[in-house]
N, C-alpha and C. Protein backbone atom coordinates (compact mmCIF):
# COMPACT_ATOMS: atom_id res chain seq x y z
N MET A 1 0.85 -1.18 0.00
CA MET A 1 0.00 0.00 0.00
C MET A 1 0.89 1.24 0.00
N ALA A 2 0.60 2.19 -0.84
CA ALA A 2 1.36 3.43 -0.94
C ALA A 2 1.02 4.36 0.22
N ASP A 3 1.98 5.21 0.57
CA ASP A 3 1.73 6.21 1.60
C ASP A 3 0.71 7.23 1.10
N SER A 4 -0.08 7.75 2.01
CA SER A 4 -1.07 8.78 1.66
C SER A 4 -0.65 10.11 2.27
N ILE A 5 -0.91 11.17 1.54
CA ILE A 5 -0.64 12.53 2.01
C ILE A 5 -1.96 13.29 2.00
N PHE A 6 -2.18 14.07 3.05
CA PHE A 6 -3.42 14.82 3.20
C PHE A 6 -3.12 16.30 3.42
N LYS A 7 -4.02 17.14 2.94
CA LYS A 7 -3.99 18.54 3.36
C LYS A 7 -5.11 18.69 4.38
N LYS A 8 -4.94 19.64 5.27
CA LYS A 8 -5.92 19.86 6.33
C LYS A 8 -6.54 21.24 6.15
N ILE A 9 -7.85 21.27 6.11
CA ILE A 9 -8.60 22.52 5.96
C ILE A 9 -9.34 22.77 7.26
N GLN A 10 -9.22 23.97 7.82
CA GLN A 10 -9.95 24.30 9.04
C GLN A 10 -11.11 25.22 8.71
N VAL A 11 -12.30 24.85 9.16
CA VAL A 11 -13.50 25.64 8.93
C VAL A 11 -14.33 25.69 10.21
N VAL A 12 -15.24 26.64 10.28
CA VAL A 12 -16.17 26.74 11.40
C VAL A 12 -17.58 26.58 10.87
N GLY A 13 -18.27 25.56 11.36
CA GLY A 13 -19.67 25.34 11.00
C GLY A 13 -20.56 25.95 12.07
N THR A 14 -21.71 26.45 11.67
CA THR A 14 -22.65 27.04 12.63
C THR A 14 -24.04 26.45 12.42
N SER A 15 -24.81 26.46 13.50
CA SER A 15 -26.17 25.93 13.44
C SER A 15 -26.98 26.48 14.61
N PRO A 16 -28.26 26.75 14.40
CA PRO A 16 -29.11 27.12 15.52
C PRO A 16 -29.64 25.87 16.26
N VAL A 17 -29.33 24.68 15.74
CA VAL A 17 -29.91 23.43 16.25
C VAL A 17 -29.01 22.70 17.25
N SER A 18 -27.73 22.40 16.84
CA SER A 18 -26.85 21.60 17.70
C SER A 18 -25.41 21.66 17.21
N PHE A 19 -24.49 21.19 18.07
CA PHE A 19 -23.09 21.08 17.67
C PHE A 19 -22.95 20.06 16.53
N ALA A 20 -23.66 18.95 16.63
CA ALA A 20 -23.58 17.92 15.59
C ALA A 20 -24.03 18.46 14.24
N ASP A 21 -25.09 19.24 14.23
CA ASP A 21 -25.58 19.83 12.99
C ASP A 21 -24.57 20.82 12.42
N ALA A 22 -23.94 21.59 13.30
CA ALA A 22 -22.93 22.54 12.85
C ALA A 22 -21.74 21.82 12.21
N ALA A 23 -21.30 20.71 12.82
CA ALA A 23 -20.19 19.94 12.25
C ALA A 23 -20.58 19.33 10.91
N ALA A 24 -21.79 18.78 10.83
CA ALA A 24 -22.26 18.17 9.58
C ALA A 24 -22.33 19.20 8.46
N LYS A 25 -22.78 20.40 8.77
CA LYS A 25 -22.84 21.46 7.76
C LYS A 25 -21.45 21.86 7.28
N ALA A 26 -20.49 21.92 8.19
CA ALA A 26 -19.12 22.26 7.81
C ALA A 26 -18.54 21.21 6.87
N VAL A 27 -18.72 19.94 7.21
CA VAL A 27 -18.21 18.85 6.38
C VAL A 27 -18.88 18.87 5.00
N ALA A 28 -20.19 19.04 4.97
CA ALA A 28 -20.92 19.05 3.71
C ALA A 28 -20.47 20.19 2.80
N LYS A 29 -20.22 21.35 3.38
CA LYS A 29 -19.80 22.50 2.57
C LYS A 29 -18.42 22.27 1.96
N VAL A 30 -17.49 21.75 2.75
CA VAL A 30 -16.15 21.47 2.21
C VAL A 30 -16.22 20.39 1.13
N ALA A 31 -17.06 19.39 1.34
CA ALA A 31 -17.19 18.29 0.36
C ALA A 31 -17.72 18.77 -0.99
N GLU A 32 -18.35 19.94 -1.04
CA GLU A 32 -18.83 20.48 -2.32
C GLU A 32 -17.67 20.77 -3.27
N THR A 33 -16.52 21.17 -2.72
CA THR A 33 -15.38 21.52 -3.58
C THR A 33 -14.20 20.59 -3.43
N GLU A 34 -14.11 19.89 -2.33
CA GLU A 34 -13.00 18.96 -2.08
C GLU A 34 -13.53 17.54 -2.20
N LYS A 35 -13.36 16.96 -3.35
CA LYS A 35 -13.94 15.63 -3.63
C LYS A 35 -13.23 14.50 -2.89
N LYS A 36 -12.03 14.75 -2.37
CA LYS A 36 -11.30 13.69 -1.68
C LYS A 36 -11.25 13.91 -0.17
N ALA A 37 -12.25 14.63 0.37
CA ALA A 37 -12.33 14.79 1.83
C ALA A 37 -12.57 13.41 2.43
N SER A 38 -11.76 13.06 3.45
CA SER A 38 -11.90 11.69 3.97
C SER A 38 -11.99 11.58 5.48
N TRP A 39 -11.71 12.62 6.23
CA TRP A 39 -11.85 12.55 7.68
C TRP A 39 -12.01 13.95 8.25
N PHE A 40 -12.50 14.01 9.49
CA PHE A 40 -12.59 15.31 10.17
C PHE A 40 -12.30 15.12 11.65
N GLU A 41 -11.87 16.20 12.28
CA GLU A 41 -11.67 16.20 13.73
C GLU A 41 -12.23 17.49 14.30
N VAL A 42 -12.94 17.37 15.40
CA VAL A 42 -13.49 18.54 16.07
C VAL A 42 -12.38 19.16 16.91
N VAL A 43 -12.12 20.45 16.69
CA VAL A 43 -11.05 21.15 17.37
C VAL A 43 -11.59 21.99 18.53
N GLU A 44 -12.77 22.58 18.34
CA GLU A 44 -13.30 23.50 19.33
C GLU A 44 -14.82 23.56 19.24
N LEU A 45 -15.45 23.66 20.39
CA LEU A 45 -16.90 23.87 20.48
C LEU A 45 -17.14 25.20 21.18
N ARG A 46 -18.03 26.00 20.66
CA ARG A 46 -18.41 27.25 21.31
C ARG A 46 -19.78 27.64 20.79
N GLY A 47 -20.31 28.72 21.31
CA GLY A 47 -21.62 29.15 20.85
C GLY A 47 -21.87 30.61 21.14
N ALA A 48 -23.00 31.06 20.69
CA ALA A 48 -23.42 32.44 20.91
C ALA A 48 -24.65 32.43 21.81
N ILE A 49 -24.78 33.50 22.57
CA ILE A 49 -25.90 33.64 23.51
C ILE A 49 -26.67 34.90 23.14
N ALA A 50 -27.99 34.79 23.13
CA ALA A 50 -28.86 35.95 22.92
C ALA A 50 -30.03 35.85 23.89
N ASP A 51 -30.29 36.90 24.59
CA ASP A 51 -31.38 36.94 25.57
C ASP A 51 -31.29 35.82 26.59
N GLY A 52 -30.07 35.48 27.00
CA GLY A 52 -29.86 34.48 28.02
C GLY A 52 -30.04 33.05 27.56
N LYS A 53 -30.12 32.84 26.25
CA LYS A 53 -30.31 31.49 25.69
C LYS A 53 -29.28 31.23 24.58
N VAL A 54 -29.02 29.96 24.35
CA VAL A 54 -28.13 29.60 23.25
C VAL A 54 -28.82 29.97 21.94
N SER A 55 -28.13 30.77 21.14
CA SER A 55 -28.71 31.19 19.86
C SER A 55 -28.00 30.55 18.67
N GLN A 56 -26.77 30.08 18.90
CA GLN A 56 -26.03 29.47 17.80
C GLN A 56 -24.94 28.55 18.36
N TYR A 57 -24.81 27.40 17.74
CA TYR A 57 -23.74 26.45 18.05
C TYR A 57 -22.66 26.62 17.00
N GLN A 58 -21.40 26.64 17.43
CA GLN A 58 -20.28 26.83 16.52
C GLN A 58 -19.26 25.71 16.75
N VAL A 59 -18.80 25.09 15.68
CA VAL A 59 -17.85 23.99 15.77
C VAL A 59 -16.70 24.25 14.81
N THR A 60 -15.48 24.28 15.34
CA THR A 60 -14.29 24.38 14.49
C THR A 60 -13.86 22.95 14.18
N VAL A 61 -13.72 22.65 12.90
CA VAL A 61 -13.30 21.31 12.48
C VAL A 61 -12.14 21.39 11.50
N ASN A 62 -11.24 20.44 11.62
CA ASN A 62 -10.20 20.23 10.61
C ASN A 62 -10.67 19.10 9.73
N ILE A 63 -10.59 19.29 8.43
CA ILE A 63 -11.02 18.27 7.48
C ILE A 63 -9.82 17.85 6.65
N GLY A 64 -9.55 16.55 6.64
CA GLY A 64 -8.43 16.01 5.89
C GLY A 64 -8.85 15.61 4.48
N CYS A 65 -8.11 16.11 3.50
CA CYS A 65 -8.40 15.81 2.09
C CYS A 65 -7.17 15.13 1.48
N LYS A 66 -7.39 13.97 0.91
CA LYS A 66 -6.29 13.19 0.34
C LYS A 66 -5.76 13.87 -0.92
N LEU A 67 -4.44 13.96 -1.00
CA LEU A 67 -3.80 14.52 -2.19
C LEU A 67 -3.39 13.39 -3.12
N ASP A 68 -3.46 13.66 -4.42
CA ASP A 68 -3.07 12.66 -5.42
C ASP A 68 -1.58 12.45 -5.42
């Protein structure tokens, strides 16, 4: 088996629903242009507060894309 080389792209996904939804949206958006995206790692979780309630979930993810 040949060695694989990956580039890592860092993005922040957001969602009013959940951290999982924010991560899924980030991965889906990168996959639109990076056809060889093959893994992701969650780097950071945070959110926004409005009127004393969670208004947005934010997830920083690194996405690994295999290079030819």
